[in-house]
């Protein structure tokens, strides 16, 4: 379901993984528009924003949105997060050693939570 609304881009934040978080604000919405927004919560799509009214049909992408947000496996996401942590700590040693040490630490923490 599509929804077209006038919005104000009120906040842009960069994230550690080099993605961005965007915050938009709307006017008071009709029930139908609010329902459409809620129905699309956590779904992937395109956002076409223009501060002007110069949007044409050629601006609208024809392909399906693929931000790759849902394409990484959990283990790939953990590895990428540990890599960012390693970088933030000044790249101590090599990454593979850091990854293995942190992986073992996480495993031990989980094992401690297991019931006998």
PDB file of N, CA and C in Angstrom:
ATOM      1  N   UNK A   1       0.835  -1.175   0.000  1.00  0.00           N
ATOM      2  CA  UNK A   1       0.000   0.000   0.000  1.00  0.00           C
ATOM      3  C   UNK A   1       0.883   1.241   0.000  1.00  0.00           C
ATOM      4  N   UNK A   2       0.523   2.202  -0.796  1.00  0.00           N
ATOM      5  CA  UNK A   2       1.285   3.438  -0.886  1.00  0.00           C
ATOM      6  C   UNK A   2       0.611   4.519  -0.073  1.00  0.00           C
ATOM      7  N   UNK A   3       1.418   5.453   0.379  1.00  0.00           N
ATOM      8  CA  UNK A   3       0.881   6.625   1.057  1.00  0.00           C
ATOM      9  C   UNK A   3       1.714   7.822   0.616  1.00  0.00           C
ATOM     10  N   UNK A   4       1.049   8.895   0.301  1.00  0.00           N
ATOM     11  CA  UNK A   4       1.714  10.128  -0.100  1.00  0.00           C
ATOM     12  C   UNK A   4       1.311  11.211   0.885  1.00  0.00           C
ATOM     13  N   UNK A   5       2.311  11.820   1.526  1.00  0.00           N
ATOM     14  CA  UNK A   5       2.043  12.816   2.564  1.00  0.00           C
ATOM     15  C   UNK A   5       3.001  13.980   2.444  1.00  0.00           C
ATOM     16  N   UNK A   6       2.569  15.168   2.814  1.00  0.00           N
ATOM     17  CA  UNK A   6       3.546  16.239   2.986  1.00  0.00           C
ATOM     18  C   UNK A   6       4.259  16.017   4.316  1.00  0.00           C
ATOM     19  N   UNK A   7       5.574  16.116   4.313  1.00  0.00           N
ATOM     20  CA  UNK A   7       6.356  15.859   5.519  1.00  0.00           C
ATOM     21  C   UNK A   7       7.447  16.904   5.686  1.00  0.00           C
ATOM     22  N   UNK A   8       7.978  16.952   6.890  1.00  0.00           N
ATOM     23  CA  UNK A   8       9.156  17.748   7.191  1.00  0.00           C
ATOM     24  C   UNK A   8      10.252  16.773   7.595  1.00  0.00           C
ATOM     25  N   UNK A   9      11.399  16.857   6.938  1.00  0.00           N
ATOM     26  CA  UNK A   9      12.555  16.061   7.337  1.00  0.00           C
ATOM     27  C   UNK A   9      13.131  16.756   8.561  1.00  0.00           C
ATOM     28  N   UNK A  10      12.940  16.157   9.733  1.00  0.00           N
ATOM     29  CA  UNK A  10      13.285  16.846  10.970  1.00  0.00           C
ATOM     30  C   UNK A  10      14.599  16.396  11.599  1.00  0.00           C
ATOM     31  N   UNK A  11      15.122  15.233  11.172  1.00  0.00           N
ATOM     32  CA  UNK A  11      16.363  14.771  11.782  1.00  0.00           C
ATOM     33  C   UNK A  11      17.057  13.768  10.874  1.00  0.00           C
ATOM     34  N   UNK A  12      18.368  13.904  10.762  1.00  0.00           N
ATOM     35  CA  UNK A  12      19.205  12.944  10.049  1.00  0.00           C
ATOM     36  C   UNK A  12      20.346  12.581  10.997  1.00  0.00           C
ATOM     37  N   UNK A  13      20.513  11.298  11.273  1.00  0.00           N
ATOM     38  CA  UNK A  13      21.567  10.833  12.169  1.00  0.00           C
ATOM     39  C   UNK A  13      22.386   9.764  11.474  1.00  0.00           C
ATOM     40  N   UNK A  14      23.710   9.896  11.542  1.00  0.00           N
ATOM     41  CA  UNK A  14      24.563   8.836  11.015  1.00  0.00           C
ATOM     42  C   UNK A  14      24.728   7.789  12.105  1.00  0.00           C
ATOM     43  N   UNK A  15      24.845   6.539  11.678  1.00  0.00           N
ATOM     44  CA  UNK A  15      24.998   5.433  12.612  1.00  0.00           C
ATOM     45  C   UNK A  15      26.389   4.845  12.466  1.00  0.00           C
ATOM     46  N   UNK A  16      26.795   4.058  13.443  1.00  0.00           N
ATOM     47  CA  UNK A  16      28.139   3.483  13.461  1.00  0.00           C
ATOM     48  C   UNK A  16      28.418   2.598  12.252  1.00  0.00           C
ATOM     49  N   UNK A  17      27.374   1.954  11.733  1.00  0.00           N
ATOM     50  CA  UNK A  17      27.577   1.051  10.597  1.00  0.00           C
ATOM     51  C   UNK A  17      27.510   1.776   9.255  1.00  0.00           C
ATOM     52  N   UNK A  18      27.567   3.106   9.298  1.00  0.00           N
ATOM     53  CA  UNK A  18      27.561   3.982   8.128  1.00  0.00           C
ATOM     54  C   UNK A  18      26.207   4.056   7.434  1.00  0.00           C
ATOM     55  N   UNK A  19      25.155   3.582   8.072  1.00  0.00           N
ATOM     56  CA  UNK A  19      23.814   3.800   7.552  1.00  0.00           C
ATOM     57  C   UNK A  19      23.287   5.091   8.192  1.00  0.00           C
ATOM     58  N   UNK A  20      22.098   5.486   7.825  1.00  0.00           N
ATOM     59  CA  UNK A  20      21.514   6.717   8.363  1.00  0.00           C
ATOM     60  C   UNK A  20      20.119   6.454   8.885  1.00  0.00           C
ATOM     61  N   UNK A  21      19.746   7.196   9.886  1.00  0.00           N
ATOM     62  CA  UNK A  21      18.403   7.159  10.437  1.00  0.00           C
ATOM     63  C   UNK A  21      17.748   8.494  10.093  1.00  0.00           C
ATOM     64  N   UNK A  22      16.577   8.439   9.477  1.00  0.00           N
ATOM     65  CA  UNK A  22      15.856   9.639   9.072  1.00  0.00           C
ATOM     66  C   UNK A  22      14.571   9.749   9.872  1.00  0.00           C
ATOM     67  N   UNK A  23      14.247  10.955  10.298  1.00  0.00           N
ATOM     68  CA  UNK A  23      12.999  11.191  11.015  1.00  0.00           C
ATOM     69  C   UNK A  23      12.188  12.228  10.246  1.00  0.00           C
ATOM     70  N   UNK A  24      10.958  11.865   9.946  1.00  0.00           N
ATOM     71  CA  UNK A  24      10.039  12.770   9.263  1.00  0.00           C
ATOM     72  C   UNK A  24       8.858  13.053  10.170  1.00  0.00           C
ATOM     73  N   UNK A  25       8.300  14.237  10.047  1.00  0.00           N
ATOM     74  CA  UNK A  25       7.092  14.587  10.780  1.00  0.00           C
ATOM     75  C   UNK A  25       6.005  14.950   9.783  1.00  0.00           C
ATOM     76  N   UNK A  26       4.772  14.559  10.099  1.00  0.00           N
ATOM     77  CA  UNK A  26       3.640  14.830   9.224  1.00  0.00           C
ATOM     78  C   UNK A  26       2.692  15.823   9.889  1.00  0.00           C
ATOM     79  N   UNK A  27       1.758  16.274   9.107  1.00  0.00           N
ATOM     80  CA  UNK A  27       0.632  17.012   9.665  1.00  0.00           C
ATOM     81  C   UNK A  27      -0.277  15.983  10.336  1.00  0.00           C
ATOM     82  N   UNK A  28      -1.364  16.429  10.917  1.00  0.00           N
ATOM     83  CA  UNK A  28      -2.358  15.496  11.452  1.00  0.00           C
ATOM     84  C   UNK A  28      -2.856  14.634  10.311  1.00  0.00           C
ATOM     85  N   UNK A  29      -2.923  13.325  10.546  1.00  0.00           N
ATOM     86  CA  UNK A  29      -3.287  12.389   9.480  1.00  0.00           C
ATOM     87  C   UNK A  29      -4.734  11.935   9.600  1.00  0.00           C
ATOM     88  N   UNK A  30      -5.311  11.625   8.453  1.00  0.00           N
ATOM     89  CA  UNK A  30      -6.633  10.990   8.453  1.00  0.00           C
ATOM     90  C   UNK A  30      -6.459   9.566   8.952  1.00  0.00           C
ATOM     91  N   UNK A  31      -7.538   8.958   9.348  1.00  0.00           N
ATOM     92  CA  UNK A  31      -7.485   7.569   9.821  1.00  0.00           C
ATOM     93  C   UNK A  31      -6.912   6.630   8.781  1.00  0.00           C
ATOM     94  N   UNK A  32      -7.312   6.816   7.513  1.00  0.00           N
ATOM     95  CA  UNK A  32      -6.852   5.927   6.448  1.00  0.00           C
ATOM     96  C   UNK A  32      -5.339   6.041   6.241  1.00  0.00           C
ATOM     97  N   UNK A  33      -4.809   7.261   6.257  1.00  0.00           N
ATOM     98  CA  UNK A  33      -3.370   7.441   6.078  1.00  0.00           C
ATOM     99  C   UNK A  33      -2.599   6.865   7.261  1.00  0.00           C
ATOM    100  N   UNK A  34      -3.110   7.056   8.458  1.00  0.00           N
ATOM    101  CA  UNK A  34      -2.452   6.516   9.647  1.00  0.00           C
ATOM    102  C   UNK A  34      -2.438   4.990   9.598  1.00  0.00           C
ATOM    103  N   UNK A  35      -3.540   4.395   9.194  1.00  0.00           N
ATOM    104  CA  UNK A  35      -3.623   2.934   9.087  1.00  0.00           C
ATOM    105  C   UNK A  35      -2.637   2.429   8.043  1.00  0.00           C
ATOM    106  N   UNK A  36      -2.545   3.118   6.901  1.00  0.00           N
ATOM    107  CA  UNK A  36      -1.612   2.712   5.853  1.00  0.00           C
ATOM    108  C   UNK A  36      -0.180   2.760   6.357  1.00  0.00           C
ATOM    109  N   UNK A  37       0.177   3.825   7.082  1.00  0.00           N
ATOM    110  CA  UNK A  37       1.524   3.902   7.648  1.00  0.00           C
ATOM    111  C   UNK A  37       1.795   2.747   8.601  1.00  0.00           C
ATOM    112  N   UNK A  38       0.860   2.484   9.483  1.00  0.00           N
ATOM    113  CA  UNK A  38       1.051   1.403  10.455  1.00  0.00           C
ATOM    114  C   UNK A  38       1.108   0.039   9.771  1.00  0.00           C
ATOM    115  N   UNK A  39       0.337  -0.139   8.707  1.00  0.00           N
ATOM    116  CA  UNK A  39       0.374  -1.403   7.968  1.00  0.00           C
ATOM    117  C   UNK A  39       1.735  -1.621   7.309  1.00  0.00           C
ATOM    118  N   UNK A  40       2.438  -0.544   7.012  1.00  0.00           N
ATOM    119  CA  UNK A  40       3.751  -0.641   6.362  1.00  0.00           C
ATOM    120  C   UNK A  40       4.915  -0.655   7.340  1.00  0.00           C
ATOM    121  N   UNK A  41       4.626  -0.616   8.622  1.00  0.00           N
ATOM    122  CA  UNK A  41       5.679  -0.609   9.631  1.00  0.00           C
ATOM    123  C   UNK A  41       6.596  -1.811   9.461  1.00  0.00           C
ATOM    124  N   UNK A  42       7.892  -1.570   9.433  1.00  0.00           N
ATOM    125  CA  UNK A  42       8.956  -2.572   9.283  1.00  0.00           C
ATOM    126  C   UNK A  42       8.993  -3.244   7.910  1.00  0.00           C
ATOM    127  N   UNK A  43       8.273  -2.698   6.942  1.00  0.00           N
ATOM    128  CA  UNK A  43       8.384  -3.231   5.587  1.00  0.00           C
ATOM    129  C   UNK A  43       9.393  -2.390   4.817  1.00  0.00           C
ATOM    130  N   UNK A  44       9.941  -2.971   3.792  1.00  0.00           N
ATOM    131  CA  UNK A  44      10.952  -2.278   3.008  1.00  0.00           C
ATOM    132  C   UNK A  44      10.311  -1.661   1.788  1.00  0.00           C
ATOM    133  N   UNK A  45      10.763  -0.493   1.430  1.00  0.00           N
ATOM    134  CA  UNK A  45      10.244   0.192   0.253  1.00  0.00           C
ATOM    135  C   UNK A  45      11.142   1.354  -0.085  1.00  0.00           C
ATOM    136  N   UNK A  46      10.695   2.206  -0.966  1.00  0.00           N
ATOM    137  CA  UNK A  46      11.439   3.398  -1.341  1.00  0.00           C
ATOM    138  C   UNK A  46      10.825   4.612  -0.676  1.00  0.00           C
ATOM    139  N   UNK A  47      11.667   5.560  -0.340  1.00  0.00           N
ATOM    140  CA  UNK A  47      11.228   6.860   0.145  1.00  0.00           C
ATOM    141  C   UNK A  47      11.707   7.870  -0.881  1.00  0.00           C
ATOM    142  N   UNK A  48      10.780   8.563  -1.495  1.00  0.00           N
ATOM    143  CA  UNK A  48      11.120   9.592  -2.462  1.00  0.00           C
ATOM    144  C   UNK A  48      10.760  10.919  -1.822  1.00  0.00           C
ATOM    145  N   UNK A  49      11.781  11.651  -1.433  1.00  0.00           N
ATOM    146  CA  UNK A  49      11.561  12.920  -0.745  1.00  0.00           C
ATOM    147  C   UNK A  49      12.066  14.064  -1.616  1.00  0.00           C
ATOM    148  N   UNK A  50      11.295  15.123  -1.707  1.00  0.00           N
ATOM    149  CA  UNK A  50      11.720  16.308  -2.425  1.00  0.00           C
ATOM    150  C   UNK A  50      11.213  17.528  -1.666  1.00  0.00           C
ATOM    151  N   UNK A  51      12.082  18.519  -1.431  1.00  0.00           N
ATOM    152  CA  UNK A  51      11.616  19.718  -0.743  1.00  0.00           C
ATOM    153  C   UNK A  51      10.741  20.581  -1.648  1.00  0.00           C
ATOM    154  N   UNK A  52      10.629  20.203  -2.887  1.00  0.00           N
ATOM    155  CA  UNK A  52       9.821  20.942  -3.858  1.00  0.00           C
ATOM    156  C   UNK A  52       8.735  20.046  -4.415  1.00  0.00           C
ATOM    157  N   UNK A  53       7.938  20.591  -5.297  1.00  0.00           N
ATOM    158  CA  UNK A  53       6.879  19.793  -5.924  1.00  0.00           C
ATOM    159  C   UNK A  53       7.280  19.372  -7.333  1.00  0.00           C
ATOM    160  N   UNK A  54       8.571  19.112  -7.545  1.00  0.00           N
ATOM    161  CA  UNK A  54       9.051  18.772  -8.882  1.00  0.00           C
ATOM    162  C   UNK A  54       9.268  17.278  -9.087  1.00  0.00           C
ATOM    163  N   UNK A  55       8.514  16.457  -8.415  1.00  0.00           N
ATOM    164  CA  UNK A  55       8.636  15.012  -8.567  1.00  0.00           C
ATOM    165  C   UNK A  55       7.820  14.577  -9.781  1.00  0.00           C
ATOM    166  N   UNK A  56       8.464  13.787 -10.625  1.00  0.00           N
ATOM    167  CA  UNK A  56       7.749  13.267 -11.795  1.00  0.00           C
ATOM    168  C   UNK A  56       7.748  11.745 -11.744  1.00  0.00           C
ATOM    169  N   UNK A  57       6.988  11.134 -12.626  1.00  0.00           N
ATOM    170  CA  UNK A  57       6.917   9.667 -12.675  1.00  0.00           C
ATOM    171  C   UNK A  57       8.280   9.036 -12.923  1.00  0.00           C
ATOM    172  N   UNK A  58       9.158   9.727 -13.637  1.00  0.00           N
ATOM    173  CA  UNK A  58      10.474   9.155 -13.920  1.00  0.00           C
ATOM    174  C   UNK A  58      11.353   9.104 -12.676  1.00  0.00           C
ATOM    175  N   UNK A  59      11.003   9.865 -11.633  1.00  0.00           N
ATOM    176  CA  UNK A  59      11.760   9.836 -10.383  1.00  0.00           C
ATOM    177  C   UNK A  59      11.451   8.602  -9.547  1.00  0.00           C
ATOM    178  N   UNK A  60      10.341   7.972  -9.808  1.00  0.00           N
ATOM    179  CA  UNK A  60       9.903   6.834  -9.003  1.00  0.00           C
ATOM    180  C   UNK A  60      10.577   5.563  -9.516  1.00  0.00           C
ATOM    181  N   UNK A  61      11.341   4.865  -8.653  1.00  0.00           N
ATOM    182  CA  UNK A  61      12.035   3.640  -9.073  1.00  0.00           C
ATOM    183  C   UNK A  61      11.041   2.561  -9.513  1.00  0.00           C
ATOM    184  N   UNK A  62      11.426   1.821 -10.524  1.00  0.00           N
ATOM    185  CA  UNK A  62      10.579   0.733 -11.030  1.00  0.00           C
ATOM    186  C   UNK A  62      10.916  -0.601 -10.366  1.00  0.00           C
ATOM    187  N   UNK A  63      12.164  -0.752  -9.898  1.00  0.00           N
ATOM    188  CA  UNK A  63      12.577  -2.012  -9.276  1.00  0.00           C
ATOM    189  C   UNK A  63      12.134  -2.058  -7.818  1.00  0.00           C
ATOM    190  N   UNK A  64      12.208  -3.248  -7.235  1.00  0.00           N
ATOM    191  CA  UNK A  64      11.871  -3.417  -5.825  1.00  0.00           C
ATOM    192  C   UNK A  64      13.002  -2.880  -4.969  1.00  0.00           C
ATOM    193  N   UNK A  65      12.643  -2.346  -3.815  1.00  0.00           N
ATOM    194  CA  UNK A  65      13.649  -1.839  -2.882  1.00  0.00           C
ATOM    195  C   UNK A  65      14.462  -3.005  -2.328  1.00  0.00           C
ATOM    196  N   UNK A  66      15.762  -2.806  -2.236  1.00  0.00           N
ATOM    197  CA  UNK A  66      16.635  -3.816  -1.646  1.00  0.00           C
ATOM    198  C   UNK A  66      17.747  -3.103  -0.894  1.00  0.00           C
ATOM    199  N   UNK A  67      17.474  -2.760   0.343  1.00  0.00           N
ATOM    200  CA  UNK A  67      18.469  -2.061   1.155  1.00  0.00           C
ATOM    201  C   UNK A  67      19.490  -3.017   1.728  1.00  0.00           C
ATOM    202  N   UNK A  68      19.269  -4.304   1.561  1.00  0.00           N
ATOM    203  CA  UNK A  68      20.138  -5.356   2.097  1.00  0.00           C
ATOM    204  C   UNK A  68      20.102  -5.393   3.617  1.00  0.00           C
ATOM    205  N   UNK A  69      19.152  -4.705   4.225  1.00  0.00           N
ATOM    206  CA  UNK A  69      19.055  -4.727   5.682  1.00  0.00           C
ATOM    207  C   UNK A  69      18.715  -6.117   6.185  1.00  0.00           C
ATOM    208  N   UNK A  70      17.893  -6.833   5.453  1.00  0.00           N
ATOM    209  CA  UNK A  70      17.480  -8.143   5.913  1.00  0.00           C
ATOM    210  C   UNK A  70      18.254  -9.277   5.295  1.00  0.00           C
ATOM    211  N   UNK A  71      19.314  -8.969   4.553  1.00  0.00           N
ATOM    212  CA  UNK A  71      20.023 -10.016   3.829  1.00  0.00           C
ATOM    213  C   UNK A  71      21.181 -10.632   4.591  1.00  0.00           C
ATOM    214  N   UNK A  72      21.702  -9.941   5.597  1.00  0.00           N
ATOM    215  CA  UNK A  72      22.817 -10.506   6.356  1.00  0.00           C
ATOM    216  C   UNK A  72      22.303 -11.538   7.354  1.00  0.00           C
ATOM    217  N   UNK A  73      23.076 -12.583   7.512  1.00  0.00           N
ATOM    218  CA  UNK A  73      22.737 -13.569   8.530  1.00  0.00           C
ATOM    219  C   UNK A  73      23.081 -12.987   9.898  1.00  0.00           C
ATOM    220  N   UNK A  74      22.581 -13.608  10.935  1.00  0.00           N
ATOM    221  CA  UNK A  74      22.884 -13.155  12.288  1.00  0.00           C
ATOM    222  C   UNK A  74      24.395 -13.211  12.521  1.00  0.00           C
ATOM    223  N   UNK A  75      25.043 -14.275  12.091  1.00  0.00           N
ATOM    224  CA  UNK A  75      26.488 -14.394  12.314  1.00  0.00           C
ATOM    225  C   UNK A  75      27.255 -13.312  11.544  1.00  0.00           C
ATOM    226  N   UNK A  76      26.795 -12.950  10.350  1.00  0.00           N
ATOM    227  CA  UNK A  76      27.437 -11.868   9.595  1.00  0.00           C
ATOM    228  C   UNK A  76      27.266 -10.535  10.317  1.00  0.00           C
ATOM    229  N   UNK A  77      26.106 -10.315  10.880  1.00  0.00           N
ATOM    230  CA  UNK A  77      25.857  -9.080  11.614  1.00  0.00           C
ATOM    231  C   UNK A  77      26.720  -9.005  12.882  1.00  0.00           C
ATOM    232  N   UNK A  78      26.861 -10.141  13.586  1.00  0.00           N
ATOM    233  CA  UNK A  78      27.709 -10.174  14.781  1.00  0.00           C
ATOM    234  C   UNK A  78      29.157  -9.879  14.394  1.00  0.00           C
ATOM    235  N   UNK A  79      29.637 -10.524  13.346  1.00  0.00           N
ATOM    236  CA  UNK A  79      31.019 -10.308  12.893  1.00  0.00           C
ATOM    237  C   UNK A  79      31.241  -8.846  12.512  1.00  0.00           C
ATOM    238  N   UNK A  80      30.311  -8.245  11.776  1.00  0.00           N
ATOM    239  CA  UNK A  80      30.439  -6.845  11.370  1.00  0.00           C
ATOM    240  C   UNK A  80      30.439  -5.918  12.584  1.00  0.00           C
ATOM    241  N   UNK A  81      29.606  -6.222  13.562  1.00  0.00           N
ATOM    242  CA  UNK A  81      29.548  -5.408  14.779  1.00  0.00           C
ATOM    243  C   UNK A  81      30.848  -5.531  15.569  1.00  0.00           C
ATOM    244  N   UNK A  82      31.375  -6.746  15.670  1.00  0.00           N
ATOM    245  CA  UNK A  82      32.657  -6.937  16.362  1.00  0.00           C
ATOM    246  C   UNK A  82      33.787  -6.220  15.623  1.00  0.00           C
ATOM    247  N   UNK A  83      33.712  -6.162  14.307  1.00  0.00           N
ATOM    248  CA  UNK A  83      34.727  -5.453  13.541  1.00  0.00           C
ATOM    249  C   UNK A  83      34.707  -3.959  13.873  1.00  0.00           C
ATOM    250  N   UNK A  84      33.510  -3.375  13.950  1.00  0.00           N
ATOM    251  CA  UNK A  84      33.394  -1.959  14.313  1.00  0.00           C
ATOM    252  C   UNK A  84      33.948  -1.736  15.720  1.00  0.00           C
ATOM    253  N   UNK A  85      33.639  -2.646  16.656  1.00  0.00           N
ATOM    254  CA  UNK A  85      34.160  -2.546  18.018  1.00  0.00           C
ATOM    255  C   UNK A  85      35.691  -2.608  18.011  1.00  0.00           C
ATOM    256  N   UNK A  86      36.251  -3.523  17.243  1.00  0.00           N
ATOM    257  CA  UNK A  86      37.704  -3.663  17.114  1.00  0.00           C
ATOM    258  C   UNK A  86      38.324  -2.365  16.587  1.00  0.00           C
ATOM    259  N   UNK A  87      37.688  -1.773  15.573  1.00  0.00           N
ATOM    260  CA  UNK A  87      38.181  -0.495  15.035  1.00  0.00           C
ATOM    261  C   UNK A  87      38.122   0.605  16.091  1.00  0.00           C
ATOM    262  N   UNK A  88      37.015   0.666  16.828  1.00  0.00           N
ATOM    263  CA  UNK A  88      36.843   1.706  17.838  1.00  0.00           C
ATOM    264  C   UNK A  88      37.831   1.559  18.992  1.00  0.00           C
ATOM    265  N   UNK A  89      38.299   0.362  19.218  1.00  0.00           N
ATOM    266  CA  UNK A  89      39.284   0.128  20.280  1.00  0.00           C
ATOM    267  C   UNK A  89      40.718   0.321  19.778  1.00  0.00           C
ATOM    268  N   UNK A  90      40.863   0.841  18.589  1.00  0.00           N
ATOM    269  CA  UNK A  90      42.194   1.136  18.069  1.00  0.00           C
ATOM    270  C   UNK A  90      42.870  -0.005  17.347  1.00  0.00           C
ATOM    271  N   UNK A  91      42.099  -1.003  16.907  1.00  0.00           N
ATOM    272  CA  UNK A  91      42.606  -2.158  16.163  1.00  0.00           C
ATOM    273  C   UNK A  91      43.720  -2.893  16.904  1.00  0.00           C
ATOM    274  N   UNK A  92      43.449  -3.302  18.143  1.00  0.00           N
ATOM    275  CA  UNK A  92      44.480  -4.028  18.892  1.00  0.00           C
ATOM    276  C   UNK A  92      44.719  -5.415  18.288  1.00  0.00           C
ATOM    277  N   UNK A  93      45.955  -5.741  17.956  1.00  0.00           N
ATOM    278  CA  UNK A  93      46.259  -7.050  17.361  1.00  0.00           C
ATOM    279  C   UNK A  93      45.585  -7.199  16.013  1.00  0.00           C
ATOM    280  N   UNK A  94      45.425  -8.457  15.586  1.00  0.00           N
ATOM    281  CA  UNK A  94      44.706  -8.651  14.324  1.00  0.00           C
ATOM    282  C   UNK A  94      43.241  -8.968  14.607  1.00  0.00           C
ATOM    283  N   UNK A  95      42.401  -8.709  13.620  1.00  0.00           N
ATOM    284  CA  UNK A  95      40.964  -8.840  13.831  1.00  0.00           C
ATOM    285  C   UNK A  95      40.559 -10.278  14.116  1.00  0.00           C
ATOM    286  N   UNK A  96      41.163 -11.252  13.453  1.00  0.00           N
ATOM    287  CA  UNK A  96      40.760 -12.653  13.653  1.00  0.00           C
ATOM    288  C   UNK A  96      40.957 -13.076  15.107  1.00  0.00           C
ATOM    289  N   UNK A  97      42.059 -12.666  15.717  1.00  0.00           N
ATOM    290  CA  UNK A  97      42.291 -12.985  17.132  1.00  0.00           C
ATOM    291  C   UNK A  97      41.250 -12.306  18.013  1.00  0.00           C
ATOM    292  N   UNK A  98      40.979 -11.038  17.725  1.00  0.00           N
ATOM    293  CA  UNK A  98      39.974 -10.292  18.478  1.00  0.00           C
ATOM    294  C   UNK A  98      38.609 -10.971  18.345  1.00  0.00           C
ATOM    295  N   UNK A  99      38.265 -11.345  17.110  1.00  0.00           N
ATOM    296  CA  UNK A  99      36.977 -11.991  16.830  1.00  0.00           C
ATOM    297  C   UNK A  99      36.850 -13.304  17.605  1.00  0.00           C
ATOM    298  N   UNK A 100      37.890 -14.121  17.585  1.00  0.00           N
ATOM    299  CA  UNK A 100      37.855 -15.407  18.287  1.00  0.00           C
ATOM    300  C   UNK A 100      37.758 -15.218  19.798  1.00  0.00           C
ATOM    301  N   UNK A 101      38.529 -14.271  20.334  1.00  0.00           N
ATOM    302  CA  UNK A 101      38.497 -14.003  21.779  1.00  0.00           C
ATOM    303  C   UNK A 101      37.105 -13.522  22.203  1.00  0.00           C
ATOM    304  N   UNK A 102      36.550 -12.573  21.463  1.00  0.00           N
ATOM    305  CA  UNK A 102      35.227 -12.038  21.801  1.00  0.00           C
ATOM    306  C   UNK A 102      34.147 -13.110  21.611  1.00  0.00           C
ATOM    307  N   UNK A 103      34.295 -13.933  20.575  1.00  0.00           N
ATOM    308  CA  UNK A 103      33.343 -15.010  20.351  1.00  0.00           C
ATOM    309  C   UNK A 103      33.324 -15.991  21.508  1.00  0.00           C
ATOM    310  N   UNK A 104      34.505 -16.367  21.983  1.00  0.00           N
ATOM    311  CA  UNK A 104      34.602 -17.276  23.126  1.00  0.00           C
ATOM    312  C   UNK A 104      34.011 -16.645  24.378  1.00  0.00           C
ATOM    313  N   UNK A 105      34.246 -15.351  24.568  1.00  0.00           N
ATOM    314  CA  UNK A 105      33.704 -14.642  25.733  1.00  0.00           C
ATOM    315  C   UNK A 105      32.161 -14.657  25.697  1.00  0.00           C
ATOM    316  N   UNK A 106      31.599 -14.421  24.527  1.00  0.00           N
ATOM    317  CA  UNK A 106      30.137 -14.435  24.374  1.00  0.00           C
ATOM    318  C   UNK A 106      29.592 -15.836  24.635  1.00  0.00           C
ATOM    319  N   UNK A 107      30.265 -16.840  24.094  1.00  0.00           N
ATOM    320  CA  UNK A 107      29.836 -18.234  24.300  1.00  0.00           C
ATOM    321  C   UNK A 107      29.847 -18.582  25.781  1.00  0.00           C
ATOM    322  N   UNK A 108      30.915 -18.196  26.490  1.00  0.00           N
ATOM    323  CA  UNK A 108      31.006 -18.485  27.926  1.00  0.00           C
ATOM    324  C   UNK A 108      29.899 -17.784  28.706  1.00  0.00           C
ATOM    325  N   UNK A 109      29.584 -16.544  28.338  1.00  0.00           N
ATOM    326  CA  UNK A 109      28.496 -15.827  29.005  1.00  0.00           C
ATOM    327  C   UNK A 109      27.164 -16.537  28.791  1.00  0.00           C
ATOM    328  N   UNK A 110      26.946 -17.055  27.596  1.00  0.00           N
ATOM    329  CA  UNK A 110      25.698 -17.781  27.318  1.00  0.00           C
ATOM    330  C   UNK A 110      25.658 -19.110  28.061  1.00  0.00           C
ATOM    331  N   UNK A 111      26.786 -19.801  28.122  1.00  0.00           N
ATOM    332  CA  UNK A 111      26.832 -21.074  28.841  1.00  0.00           C
ATOM    333  C   UNK A 111      26.508 -20.906  30.308  1.00  0.00           C
ATOM    334  N   UNK A 112      26.940 -19.777  30.897  1.00  0.00           N
ATOM    335  CA  UNK A 112      26.650 -19.505  32.306  1.00  0.00           C
ATOM    336  C   UNK A 112      25.148 -19.360  32.564  1.00  0.00           C
ATOM    337  N   UNK A 113      24.413 -19.000  31.544  1.00  0.00           N
ATOM    338  CA  UNK A 113      22.966 -18.819  31.682  1.00  0.00           C
ATOM    339  C   UNK A 113      22.177 -20.112  31.497  1.00  0.00           C
ATOM    340  N   UNK A 114      22.855 -21.168  31.006  1.00  0.00           N
ATOM    341  CA  UNK A 114      22.193 -22.452  30.783  1.00  0.00           C
ATOM    342  C   UNK A 114      21.919 -23.148  32.109  1.00  0.00           C
ATOM    343  N   UNK A 115      20.798 -23.821  32.156  1.00  0.00           N
ATOM    344  CA  UNK A 115      20.466 -24.580  33.349  1.00  0.00           C
ATOM    345  C   UNK A 115      21.221 -25.917  33.313  1.00  0.00           C
ATOM    346  N   UNK A 116      21.577 -26.417  34.501  1.00  0.00           N
ATOM    347  CA  UNK A 116      22.285 -27.695  34.585  1.00  0.00           C
ATOM    348  C   UNK A 116      21.411 -28.849  34.210  1.00  0.00           C
TER     349      UNK A 116
END
